[in-house]
Protein backbone atom coordinates (compact mmCIF):
# COMPACT_ATOMS: atom_id res chain seq x y z
CA MET A 1 30.89 -3.11 -50.18
CA ASN A 2 29.39 -2.64 -46.70
CA GLU A 3 26.25 -4.46 -47.88
CA LYS A 4 28.35 -7.40 -49.07
CA ILE A 5 30.19 -7.59 -45.71
CA LYS A 6 26.85 -7.44 -43.90
CA GLU A 7 25.45 -10.29 -46.04
CA GLU A 8 28.56 -12.42 -45.46
CA LYS A 9 28.34 -11.78 -41.72
CA GLU A 10 24.66 -12.79 -41.64
CA PHE A 11 25.44 -15.88 -43.72
CA ASN A 12 28.17 -16.95 -41.29
CA ILE A 13 25.84 -16.36 -38.32
CA ILE A 14 23.20 -18.61 -39.92
CA LEU A 15 25.83 -21.25 -40.73
CA ARG A 16 27.03 -21.24 -37.13
CA LEU A 17 23.42 -21.51 -35.95
CA LEU A 18 22.86 -24.44 -38.32
CA ALA A 19 26.05 -26.13 -37.12
CA LYS A 20 25.19 -25.53 -33.45
CA THR A 21 21.61 -26.73 -33.92
CA SER A 22 22.82 -29.75 -35.89
CA MET A 23 24.86 -30.83 -32.85
CA ILE A 24 21.73 -30.65 -30.68
CA VAL A 25 19.77 -32.52 -33.33
CA LEU A 26 22.61 -35.05 -33.69
CA PHE A 27 22.52 -35.86 -29.99
CA GLY A 28 18.73 -36.11 -30.12
CA LEU A 29 18.71 -38.27 -33.24
CA ILE A 30 21.43 -40.60 -31.96
CA PHE A 31 19.46 -41.05 -28.74
CA SER A 32 16.25 -41.50 -30.73
CA LYS A 33 17.78 -44.05 -33.10
CA VAL A 34 19.37 -46.03 -30.26
CA VAL A 35 16.11 -46.16 -28.29
CA THR A 36 13.98 -46.81 -31.41
CA TYR A 37 16.30 -49.59 -32.51
CA ALA A 38 16.23 -51.01 -28.98
CA PHE A 39 12.40 -50.94 -29.15
CA ARG A 40 12.43 -52.74 -32.52
CA ILE A 41 15.21 -55.15 -31.59
CA ILE A 42 13.40 -56.24 -28.40
CA ILE A 43 10.27 -56.92 -30.48
CA ALA A 44 12.25 -58.70 -33.22
CA ARG A 45 14.27 -60.87 -30.81
CA TYR A 46 11.66 -61.50 -28.11
CA TYR A 47 8.63 -62.07 -30.36
CA GLY A 48 10.36 -63.25 -33.57
CA PRO A 49 10.14 -62.16 -37.25
CA GLU A 50 6.40 -62.86 -37.61
CA ILE A 51 5.14 -60.58 -34.80
CA TYR A 52 7.78 -57.99 -35.73
CA GLY A 53 6.44 -58.03 -39.30
CA VAL A 54 2.81 -57.77 -38.11
CA PHE A 55 3.68 -54.79 -35.87
CA LEU A 56 5.37 -53.02 -38.80
CA LEU A 57 2.34 -53.67 -41.03
CA GLY A 58 0.18 -52.07 -38.34
CA ILE A 59 2.45 -49.01 -38.21
CA MET A 60 2.32 -48.68 -42.01
CA ILE A 61 -1.49 -48.83 -42.02
CA LEU A 62 -1.62 -46.24 -39.22
CA GLN A 63 0.68 -43.93 -41.20
CA TRP A 64 -1.57 -44.30 -44.22
CA PHE A 65 -4.63 -43.23 -42.21
CA ILE A 66 -2.69 -40.32 -40.70
CA ALA A 67 -1.73 -39.15 -44.20
CA PHE A 68 -5.43 -39.09 -45.20
CA SER A 69 -6.46 -37.36 -41.98
CA THR A 70 -3.91 -34.52 -42.04
CA LEU A 71 -4.83 -33.36 -45.59
CA GLY A 72 -1.23 -32.23 -46.15
CA LEU A 73 -1.74 -29.34 -43.71
CA ILE A 74 1.26 -30.23 -41.50
CA GLU A 75 3.53 -29.17 -44.38
CA GLY A 76 1.35 -26.09 -44.78
CA ILE A 77 2.11 -25.10 -41.17
CA LEU A 78 5.84 -25.58 -41.77
CA ARG A 79 5.75 -23.32 -44.82
CA PHE A 80 3.28 -20.55 -43.95
CA ILE A 81 4.07 -19.88 -40.28
CA PRO A 82 7.78 -19.10 -41.01
CA ILE A 83 6.74 -16.86 -43.93
CA TYR A 84 4.25 -14.94 -41.75
CA ARG A 85 6.85 -14.74 -39.00
CA GLY A 86 9.14 -13.09 -41.56
CA GLU A 87 6.30 -10.65 -42.31
CA LYS A 88 5.68 -10.23 -38.53
CA ASN A 89 1.98 -10.96 -39.03
CA LYS A 90 0.70 -12.69 -35.87
CA GLU A 91 -2.94 -12.67 -36.95
CA LYS A 92 -2.18 -14.77 -40.02
CA ILE A 93 -0.21 -17.21 -37.86
CA LYS A 94 -3.24 -17.55 -35.55
CA GLN A 95 -5.52 -18.19 -38.52
CA VAL A 96 -3.24 -20.90 -39.97
CA PHE A 97 -3.20 -22.70 -36.61
CA LYS A 98 -6.94 -22.29 -35.93
CA PHE A 99 -8.02 -23.43 -39.39
CA THR A 100 -5.71 -26.46 -39.30
CA THR A 101 -6.70 -27.70 -35.85
CA THR A 102 -10.43 -27.27 -36.60
CA LEU A 103 -10.18 -29.44 -39.71
CA PHE A 104 -8.09 -32.02 -37.85
CA LEU A 105 -10.70 -32.35 -35.11
CA PHE A 106 -13.24 -33.69 -37.60
CA SER A 107 -10.91 -35.67 -39.88
CA SER A 108 -9.06 -37.45 -37.05
CA ILE A 109 -12.27 -38.61 -35.34
CA PHE A 110 -13.74 -39.84 -38.63
CA PHE A 111 -10.68 -41.87 -39.63
CA ALA A 112 -10.15 -43.22 -36.10
CA VAL A 113 -13.71 -44.60 -36.04
CA PHE A 114 -13.23 -45.98 -39.56
CA LEU A 115 -9.97 -47.75 -38.65
CA PHE A 116 -11.48 -49.28 -35.50
CA SER A 117 -14.62 -50.44 -37.31
CA PHE A 118 -12.78 -52.04 -40.24
CA SER A 119 -9.75 -53.37 -38.34
CA GLU A 120 -10.94 -56.99 -38.62
CA PHE A 121 -11.73 -56.70 -42.33
CA ILE A 122 -8.34 -55.12 -43.11
CA SER A 123 -6.43 -57.67 -41.03
CA ILE A 124 -8.13 -60.87 -42.17
CA ASN A 125 -9.51 -60.16 -45.66
CA ILE A 126 -6.59 -58.10 -46.99
CA PHE A 127 -3.49 -59.21 -45.09
CA HIS A 128 -4.65 -62.61 -43.76
CA GLU A 129 -3.13 -61.75 -40.35
CA PRO A 130 -5.59 -62.20 -37.42
CA LYS A 131 -2.94 -60.89 -35.00
CA LEU A 132 -3.05 -57.54 -36.80
CA VAL A 133 -6.58 -56.82 -35.45
CA LEU A 134 -5.33 -55.94 -31.96
CA PHE A 135 -2.72 -53.51 -33.29
CA LEU A 136 -5.18 -51.70 -35.55
CA ARG A 137 -7.76 -51.30 -32.77
CA VAL A 138 -5.20 -49.77 -30.40
CA PHE A 139 -3.77 -47.65 -33.24
CA SER A 140 -7.24 -46.20 -33.93
CA PHE A 141 -6.89 -44.43 -30.54
CA VAL A 142 -3.32 -43.45 -31.42
CA LEU A 143 -4.44 -41.73 -34.63
CA PRO A 144 -6.01 -38.48 -33.27
CA LEU A 145 -3.30 -38.13 -30.62
CA SER A 146 -0.62 -38.50 -33.28
CA ILE A 147 -2.25 -35.96 -35.60
CA PHE A 148 -2.59 -33.27 -32.93
CA GLY A 149 0.85 -34.07 -31.52
CA ASN A 150 2.33 -33.61 -35.00
CA THR A 151 0.43 -30.32 -35.38
CA PHE A 152 1.84 -28.90 -32.16
CA LEU A 153 5.32 -30.19 -33.04
CA ALA A 154 5.15 -28.59 -36.51
CA THR A 155 4.18 -25.28 -34.88
CA ILE A 156 7.13 -25.55 -32.48
CA LYS A 157 9.47 -26.31 -35.38
CA ALA A 158 8.05 -23.45 -37.49
CA HIS A 159 9.03 -21.10 -34.64
CA GLU A 160 12.61 -22.50 -34.83
CA LYS A 161 12.37 -23.97 -31.30
CA ILE A 162 14.48 -26.94 -32.32
CA LYS A 163 15.76 -27.93 -28.86
CA GLU A 164 12.22 -28.25 -27.57
CA TYR A 165 11.10 -30.08 -30.71
CA ILE A 166 13.92 -32.60 -30.36
CA GLY A 167 13.35 -32.97 -26.62
CA ILE A 168 9.71 -33.93 -27.04
CA LEU A 169 9.89 -36.04 -30.21
CA ASN A 170 13.26 -37.75 -29.86
CA PHE A 171 13.75 -38.02 -26.12
CA ALA A 172 10.38 -38.16 -24.38
CA GLU A 173 8.33 -40.18 -26.88
CA ASN A 174 10.94 -42.86 -27.57
CA THR A 175 11.97 -43.24 -23.92
CA VAL A 176 8.35 -43.78 -22.85
CA LYS A 177 7.81 -46.36 -25.61
CA LEU A 178 10.89 -48.37 -24.64
CA LEU A 179 10.36 -48.28 -20.86
CA PHE A 180 6.73 -49.33 -21.10
CA LEU A 181 7.56 -52.10 -23.59
CA ILE A 182 10.06 -53.56 -21.10
CA LEU A 183 7.54 -53.16 -18.26
CA PHE A 184 4.70 -54.80 -20.19
CA ILE A 185 6.89 -57.72 -21.28
CA SER A 186 7.89 -58.28 -17.64
CA LEU A 187 4.17 -58.24 -16.70
CA GLY A 188 3.47 -60.89 -19.35
CA LEU A 189 1.19 -58.77 -21.57
CA GLN A 190 2.59 -60.40 -24.75
CA ILE A 191 1.72 -58.56 -28.00
CA LYS A 192 -0.72 -56.24 -26.17
CA GLY A 193 2.35 -54.74 -24.53
CA ILE A 194 3.78 -53.64 -27.90
CA ALA A 195 0.59 -51.79 -28.91
CA LEU A 196 0.08 -50.17 -25.48
CA ALA A 197 3.72 -49.04 -25.23
CA TYR A 198 3.41 -47.40 -28.65
CA PHE A 199 0.15 -45.69 -27.60
CA LEU A 200 1.72 -44.26 -24.43
CA GLY A 201 4.71 -42.89 -26.37
CA ILE A 202 2.41 -41.01 -28.78
CA PHE A 203 0.26 -39.75 -25.89
CA THR A 204 3.40 -38.33 -24.24
CA THR A 205 4.27 -36.37 -27.40
CA PHE A 206 0.71 -35.04 -27.65
CA LEU A 207 0.62 -33.90 -24.02
CA LEU A 208 4.07 -32.26 -23.89
CA SER A 209 3.76 -30.51 -27.27
CA TYR A 210 0.31 -29.16 -26.34
CA LEU A 211 1.57 -27.81 -23.00
CA PHE A 212 4.57 -26.16 -24.67
CA CYS A 213 2.39 -24.42 -27.27
CA LYS A 214 -0.09 -23.31 -24.60
CA TYR A 215 2.47 -21.76 -22.25
CA LYS A 216 5.40 -20.81 -24.52
CA LEU A 217 3.64 -19.91 -27.79
CA PRO A 218 0.36 -18.39 -26.55
CA GLU A 219 0.28 -16.00 -29.54
CA ILE A 220 -0.85 -18.87 -31.81
CA LEU A 221 -3.98 -19.47 -29.75
CA GLY A 222 -7.19 -17.52 -29.80
CA LYS A 223 -9.28 -16.11 -32.61
CA SER A 224 -7.61 -14.24 -35.45
CA LYS A 225 -8.67 -10.60 -35.95
CA LEU A 226 -8.27 -10.79 -39.73
CA PRO A 227 -11.26 -9.62 -41.80
CA LYS A 228 -13.58 -12.43 -42.90
CA GLU A 229 -12.59 -12.18 -46.58
CA GLU A 230 -8.89 -12.25 -45.73
CA LYS A 231 -9.44 -15.36 -43.60
CA LYS A 232 -11.16 -17.08 -46.53
CA SER A 233 -8.34 -16.08 -48.86
CA LEU A 234 -5.69 -17.38 -46.44
CA ASN A 235 -7.60 -20.64 -45.89
CA LYS A 236 -7.84 -21.14 -49.65
CA LYS A 237 -4.14 -20.44 -50.10
CA LEU A 238 -3.29 -22.91 -47.34
CA LEU A 239 -5.51 -25.62 -48.85
CA ASP A 240 -4.24 -24.99 -52.39
CA TYR A 241 -0.73 -25.59 -51.13
CA SER A 242 -1.51 -28.41 -48.72
CA LEU A 243 -4.03 -30.62 -50.56
CA PRO A 244 -1.52 -31.79 -53.18
CA LEU A 245 0.66 -32.72 -50.20
CA LEU A 246 -2.19 -34.88 -48.86
CA PHE A 247 -1.73 -37.04 -51.92
CA PHE A 248 2.02 -36.58 -51.62
CA GLY A 249 1.87 -37.97 -48.08
CA ILE A 250 -0.27 -40.90 -49.16
CA LEU A 251 1.90 -41.60 -52.19
CA ALA A 252 5.07 -41.14 -50.14
CA PHE A 253 3.70 -43.82 -47.86
CA VAL A 254 3.03 -45.98 -50.94
CA PHE A 255 6.48 -45.09 -52.25
CA TYR A 256 8.33 -46.05 -49.07
CA GLY A 257 5.92 -48.72 -47.81
CA VAL A 258 4.86 -50.58 -50.93
CA ASP A 259 7.90 -52.84 -50.79
CA SER A 260 6.86 -54.23 -47.39
CA PHE A 261 3.21 -54.52 -48.45
CA LEU A 262 4.07 -56.39 -51.64
CA ILE A 263 6.51 -58.66 -49.80
CA ALA A 264 3.61 -59.47 -47.43
CA TYR A 265 1.34 -60.07 -50.45
CA PHE A 266 3.73 -62.32 -52.41
CA LYS A 267 5.45 -63.90 -49.38
CA THR A 268 4.61 -63.73 -45.63
CA ALA A 269 5.01 -61.45 -42.60
CA ARG A 270 8.23 -63.35 -41.85
CA GLU A 271 9.92 -61.94 -44.97
CA VAL A 272 8.59 -58.48 -44.06
CA GLY A 273 10.40 -58.87 -40.73
CA PHE A 274 13.66 -59.84 -42.47
CA TYR A 275 13.39 -56.90 -44.89
CA ASN A 276 12.74 -54.49 -42.05
CA ALA A 277 16.02 -55.43 -40.45
CA ALA A 278 17.71 -53.82 -43.49
CA VAL A 279 15.47 -50.74 -43.77
CA PRO A 280 16.20 -49.10 -40.38
CA ILE A 281 19.96 -49.63 -40.82
CA ALA A 282 19.90 -48.08 -44.31
CA SER A 283 17.82 -45.22 -42.89
CA LEU A 284 20.80 -44.28 -40.69
CA LEU A 285 21.87 -42.36 -43.79
CA THR A 286 18.89 -40.04 -43.29
CA ILE A 287 20.13 -38.91 -39.88
CA VAL A 288 22.64 -36.48 -41.35
CA HIS A 289 20.23 -34.50 -43.51
CA ALA A 290 17.75 -34.46 -40.62
CA LEU A 291 20.45 -32.73 -38.53
CA PHE A 292 20.43 -29.72 -40.81
CA LEU A 293 16.91 -29.69 -42.28
CA GLN A 294 15.23 -29.26 -38.88
CA LEU A 295 16.37 -25.63 -38.90
CA PHE A 296 17.31 -25.23 -42.59
CA SER A 297 13.68 -25.48 -43.80
CA PRO A 298 12.23 -22.78 -41.49
CA ILE A 299 15.21 -20.48 -42.25
CA ILE A 300 14.95 -20.73 -46.06
CA ASN A 301 11.16 -20.26 -45.86
CA ARG A 302 11.71 -17.11 -43.80
CA LYS A 303 14.45 -15.87 -46.18
CA TYR A 304 12.23 -16.61 -49.17
CA GLY A 305 9.53 -14.50 -47.53
CA GLU A 306 12.16 -11.73 -47.27
CA LYS A 307 13.02 -12.22 -51.01
CA ASP A 308 16.64 -13.11 -50.17
CA ILE A 309 17.24 -15.75 -52.87
CA LYS A 310 21.02 -15.37 -52.78
CA MET A 311 21.06 -16.41 -49.13
CA VAL A 312 18.87 -19.42 -49.97
CA ARG A 313 21.23 -20.44 -52.80
CA ASP A 314 24.39 -20.15 -50.70
CA LEU A 315 22.87 -21.99 -47.73
CA SER A 316 21.64 -24.80 -49.98
CA LYS A 317 25.06 -25.43 -51.50
CA GLN A 318 26.81 -25.37 -48.14
CA VAL A 319 24.34 -27.69 -46.42
CA VAL A 320 24.43 -30.25 -49.27
CA LYS A 321 28.22 -30.32 -49.03
CA TRP A 322 28.09 -30.93 -45.27
CA ILE A 323 25.53 -33.72 -45.69
CA PHE A 324 27.64 -35.42 -48.37
CA THR A 325 30.90 -35.10 -46.41
CA ILE A 326 29.46 -36.63 -43.23
CA ASN A 327 27.36 -39.32 -44.92
CA LEU A 328 29.97 -40.74 -47.28
CA PRO A 329 31.93 -42.71 -44.62
CA ILE A 330 28.68 -44.06 -43.10
CA PHE A 331 27.51 -45.26 -46.51
CA ILE A 332 30.87 -46.94 -47.22
CA LEU A 333 30.86 -48.76 -43.86
CA ILE A 334 27.30 -50.07 -44.37
CA PHE A 335 28.03 -51.09 -47.96
CA ILE A 336 31.24 -52.99 -47.15
CA PHE A 337 30.09 -54.61 -43.87
CA PRO A 338 26.27 -55.09 -43.98
CA GLU A 339 26.40 -58.45 -42.17
CA VAL A 340 28.10 -56.97 -39.11
CA ALA A 341 25.48 -54.23 -38.70
CA ILE A 342 22.57 -56.68 -39.07
CA ASN A 343 24.06 -59.31 -36.76
CA PHE A 344 24.90 -56.74 -34.07
CA LEU A 345 21.43 -55.16 -34.07
CA PHE A 346 19.05 -57.97 -34.97
CA GLY A 347 20.97 -61.25 -34.63
CA ASP A 348 22.21 -63.85 -37.09
CA MET A 349 18.64 -64.95 -37.93
CA TYR A 350 18.32 -61.75 -40.01
CA LEU A 351 21.62 -62.04 -41.96
CA VAL A 352 19.66 -63.00 -45.09
CA ALA A 353 18.85 -59.26 -45.41
CA ALA A 354 22.51 -58.26 -46.02
CA PRO A 355 22.26 -57.98 -49.86
CA ALA A 356 19.06 -55.93 -49.49
CA LEU A 357 20.85 -53.61 -47.05
CA ARG A 358 23.67 -52.93 -49.53
CA ILE A 359 21.19 -52.02 -52.25
CA LEU A 360 18.97 -49.88 -50.00
CA ALA A 361 22.02 -47.94 -48.78
CA ILE A 362 22.58 -46.69 -52.36
CA GLY A 363 19.03 -45.35 -52.56
CA PHE A 364 19.10 -43.77 -49.11
CA ILE A 365 22.33 -41.84 -49.72
CA PHE A 366 20.67 -40.28 -52.78
CA THR A 367 17.73 -39.27 -50.59
CA SER A 368 20.05 -37.72 -48.03
CA VAL A 369 22.18 -35.71 -50.46
CA PHE A 370 19.24 -34.39 -52.49
CA SER A 371 16.89 -33.77 -49.54
CA VAL A 372 17.69 -30.06 -49.85
CA ALA A 373 16.12 -30.06 -53.33
CA ASN A 374 12.85 -31.28 -51.81
CA ALA A 375 12.93 -28.45 -49.24
CA LEU A 376 13.58 -25.88 -52.00
CA ILE A 377 10.64 -27.05 -54.13
CA LEU A 378 8.35 -26.83 -51.09
CA MET A 379 9.77 -23.38 -50.29
CA ILE A 380 8.57 -21.92 -53.63
CA GLY A 381 5.12 -23.46 -53.14
CA LYS A 382 5.34 -26.02 -55.97
CA SER A 383 3.48 -28.68 -54.02
CA LYS A 384 1.66 -29.91 -57.16
CA LEU A 385 5.01 -30.48 -58.85
CA ILE A 386 6.20 -32.65 -55.96
CA LEU A 387 2.89 -34.51 -56.20
CA PHE A 388 3.65 -35.28 -59.86
CA ASP A 389 7.15 -36.46 -58.93
CA ILE A 390 5.95 -38.79 -56.19
CA VAL A 391 3.12 -40.17 -58.39
CA PHE A 392 5.64 -41.04 -61.08
CA ALA A 393 8.11 -42.55 -58.60
CA ALA A 394 5.40 -44.47 -56.71
CA ILE A 395 4.01 -46.01 -59.91
CA LEU A 396 7.54 -46.94 -60.96
CA ASN A 397 8.18 -48.47 -57.52
CA ILE A 398 4.96 -50.52 -57.59
CA ILE A 399 5.67 -51.85 -61.09
CA LEU A 400 9.28 -52.73 -60.27
CA ASN A 401 8.29 -54.42 -56.99
CA ILE A 402 5.58 -56.50 -58.70
CA ILE A 403 8.09 -57.58 -61.35
CA LEU A 404 11.12 -58.18 -59.10
CA ILE A 405 9.78 -59.62 -55.81
CA PRO A 406 8.51 -62.93 -57.32
CA LEU A 407 11.74 -63.57 -59.29
CA PRO A 408 13.93 -66.33 -57.78
CA THR A 409 17.17 -64.64 -58.90
CA ILE A 410 18.10 -61.17 -60.17
CA PHE A 411 21.45 -60.71 -61.94
CA PHE A 412 22.78 -63.85 -60.19
CA LEU A 413 21.61 -62.51 -56.79
CA ASP A 414 19.45 -64.86 -54.73
CA ASN A 415 15.92 -63.47 -54.42
CA SER A 416 14.09 -66.48 -52.97
CA LEU A 417 12.76 -64.31 -50.11
CA GLY A 418 11.78 -61.46 -52.45
CA ILE A 419 13.61 -58.87 -50.34
CA THR A 420 16.53 -58.29 -52.74
CA GLY A 421 14.07 -57.53 -55.54
CA ALA A 422 12.16 -55.14 -53.26
CA ALA A 423 15.40 -53.35 -52.36
CA ILE A 424 16.40 -52.95 -56.03
CA ALA A 425 12.94 -51.62 -56.95
CA THR A 426 12.88 -49.14 -54.08
CA SER A 427 16.42 -47.86 -54.65
CA ILE A 428 15.86 -47.28 -58.39
CA SER A 429 12.63 -45.39 -57.64
CA ILE A 430 14.32 -43.27 -54.93
CA ILE A 431 17.13 -42.29 -57.30
CA VAL A 432 14.69 -41.33 -60.09
CA PHE A 433 12.57 -39.26 -57.64
CA ASN A 434 15.55 -37.32 -56.34
CA LEU A 435 16.97 -36.64 -59.81
CA LEU A 436 13.59 -35.20 -60.82
CA LEU A 437 13.72 -32.84 -57.81
CA LEU A 438 17.28 -31.78 -58.66
CA PHE A 439 16.42 -30.89 -62.27
CA GLN A 440 13.33 -28.95 -61.13
CA VAL A 441 15.32 -26.88 -58.64
CA MET A 442 17.77 -26.05 -61.43
CA TYR A 443 14.88 -25.04 -63.71
CA TYR A 444 12.75 -22.96 -61.31
CA LEU A 445 15.40 -21.40 -59.08
CA SER A 446 18.55 -21.61 -61.24
CA ILE A 447 20.17 -23.23 -58.20
CA VAL A 448 22.49 -26.21 -58.49
CA PRO A 449 22.75 -27.27 -54.82
CA LEU A 450 26.11 -28.93 -55.37
CA LYS A 451 29.68 -27.67 -54.93
CA ARG A 452 32.76 -28.65 -56.94
CA LYS A 453 34.57 -29.41 -53.69
CA MET A 454 32.30 -32.47 -53.34
CA ILE A 455 34.30 -34.13 -56.15
CA THR A 456 37.49 -33.51 -54.14
CA ILE A 457 35.86 -35.05 -51.06
CA LEU A 458 34.73 -38.11 -53.05
CA LEU A 459 38.26 -38.61 -54.40
CA CYS A 460 39.66 -38.26 -50.87
CA SER A 461 37.58 -41.28 -49.83
CA LEU A 462 39.12 -43.62 -52.44
CA ILE A 463 42.43 -44.22 -50.62
CA PRO A 464 40.74 -45.06 -47.26
CA ILE A 465 38.30 -47.37 -49.12
CA ALA A 466 41.16 -49.23 -50.80
CA LEU A 467 42.99 -49.66 -47.49
CA VAL A 468 39.86 -50.87 -45.64
CA LEU A 469 39.19 -53.46 -48.38
CA TYR A 470 42.83 -54.58 -48.17
CA PHE A 471 42.80 -54.95 -44.36
CA LYS A 472 39.43 -56.75 -44.51
CA GLN A 473 41.23 -59.82 -45.90
CA PHE A 474 43.43 -60.20 -42.80
CA ILE A 475 41.07 -59.46 -39.89
CA ILE A 476 38.32 -61.33 -38.09
CA VAL A 477 35.23 -59.29 -38.90
CA ASN A 478 33.37 -58.37 -35.69
CA ILE A 479 32.02 -55.22 -34.11
CA LEU A 480 35.37 -54.23 -32.50
CA SER A 481 37.38 -54.66 -35.70
CA ILE A 482 34.75 -52.67 -37.64
CA ILE A 483 34.89 -49.81 -35.12
CA SER A 484 38.70 -49.79 -35.38
CA LEU A 485 38.56 -49.74 -39.19
CA PHE A 486 35.93 -47.00 -39.14
CA ILE A 487 38.05 -44.79 -36.85
CA PHE A 488 41.07 -45.39 -39.13
CA PHE A 489 38.93 -44.54 -42.19
CA ILE A 490 37.57 -41.32 -40.65
CA LEU A 491 40.98 -40.05 -39.52
CA LEU A 492 42.61 -40.68 -42.91
CA TYR A 493 39.54 -39.28 -44.72
CA ILE A 494 39.62 -36.02 -42.74
CA ILE A 495 43.41 -35.65 -43.11
CA LEU A 496 43.14 -36.09 -46.89
CA ILE A 497 40.29 -33.55 -47.09
CA PHE A 498 42.49 -31.00 -45.31
CA ILE A 499 45.54 -31.83 -47.47
CA PHE A 500 43.62 -31.52 -50.75
CA LYS A 501 41.65 -28.46 -49.55
CA GLY A 502 38.21 -30.04 -49.62
CA PHE A 503 37.11 -27.58 -46.91
CA ASP A 504 36.58 -23.94 -47.94
CA LYS A 505 36.99 -20.89 -45.72
CA ARG A 506 33.38 -21.09 -44.50
CA ASP A 507 33.84 -24.71 -43.43
CA LEU A 508 37.04 -23.82 -41.62
CA GLU A 509 35.34 -20.90 -39.84
CA ILE A 510 32.58 -23.21 -38.60
CA ILE A 511 35.14 -25.83 -37.47
CA ARG A 512 37.09 -23.15 -35.58
CA SER A 513 33.89 -21.79 -34.02
CA LEU A 514 32.77 -25.23 -32.84
CA GLY A 515 36.30 -25.93 -31.59
CA ARG A 516 36.30 -22.72 -29.52
CA LYS A 517 32.91 -23.56 -27.99
CA LEU A 518 33.98 -27.10 -27.18
CA LYS A 519 37.22 -25.83 -25.63
CA SER A 520 35.39 -23.25 -23.49
CA ARG A 521 32.94 -25.90 -22.21
CA VAL A 522 35.76 -28.28 -21.34
CA LYS A 523 37.38 -25.51 -19.30
């Protein structure tokens, strides 16, 4: 009985930590999204859809080269360092860090030189975009800085230093990018200003994350005292886990980026720009799971290292419920009023992307809700299984995009720009990928990361949805009316969840705990 009370107490402590950390992450992500959107919106409005599309193509190519260069080892850091922290084995942590950074030194230089040397060939012969050359040449210098910055950030995250992680990645990097973009535009640097502002943002992340690791995590530096054979064994284990994730990273890039590439192939950079007005708005649905997964992943990896599967199961169910509860109203708002979101952020020139936004929102809410399944599969070391999943989903996505983008209409939907077809293809592939992960978690861990209360919460949303659709007929749709409707929706939604007992005792305990902290800070 005492053991059960102790477990429940520890579970509640972790839940409170997750909730507290999620608030920090929320603030960081909101700031990051606002600044990132401002960065993109300035480019989209000031330079127009063509340059905006070329810039995004450059970013996608950079991400592809980064995926090759990192060999999947960033995910290896995020898995093995928390496990060795659970085992209190500092020498193994040192070896993971040393081995990873040594490999990255060679791979990043090689791929940076390759990208610089072939920037003209890639830009002109493959994408027929001469303006892309400048971006790729600047991004070749970004590549090693980004790889080492991500390595230091992954190490910070693996040590559960989430505030510092958020501060560097979300605040510092994005602020520097935006401020320098504005400065360079005012100095008349034209498209050079975009590339240089991006470079300086990545350099800031590299510098700050390196300094933090050097002075706050000195135990990761230096030579490991492990015996030579044990080092070899650990290196092999790290590579066996990480190398499938190299291909996962590349294929994930194909999976999430192939729509833009194929739009560019079948259409022009202009259509890529239109499509990428919908993508960042739909990706708002990924904010919520990012709130919890920043700390959730290191915690479940540590608990898995301690063989505490029950804790992993209970945490998974609770976190999925929180993600679903918070994301549902956001999804409904985007789905009902896509034109308002696009017009407010990008301007009326991009309103043609509204149907694509509706469709992408469906795919992204699946990603958000089932993101925990992805973390659980990585936790048990089944990286090859995830590789199989992403291969299947990527092939499906490519085939569907090739079929759907050229069609003029799809189920009576206009597809003259190709972006509606791309959105349908991507959303179907996302749903299939996440269902595969869910079934695999059920098979390997006997965990169904869903709670029955989620059905209650879904039903509680139906009355607010009906009322919003009714009021929509009588109002002038603009940003103020949408905010008013959203506030009305949220209040009624929360009241109905309380009335129909959608929150369990653990939810209520967290709400009370956050309420007490908020009250004490106000005082």
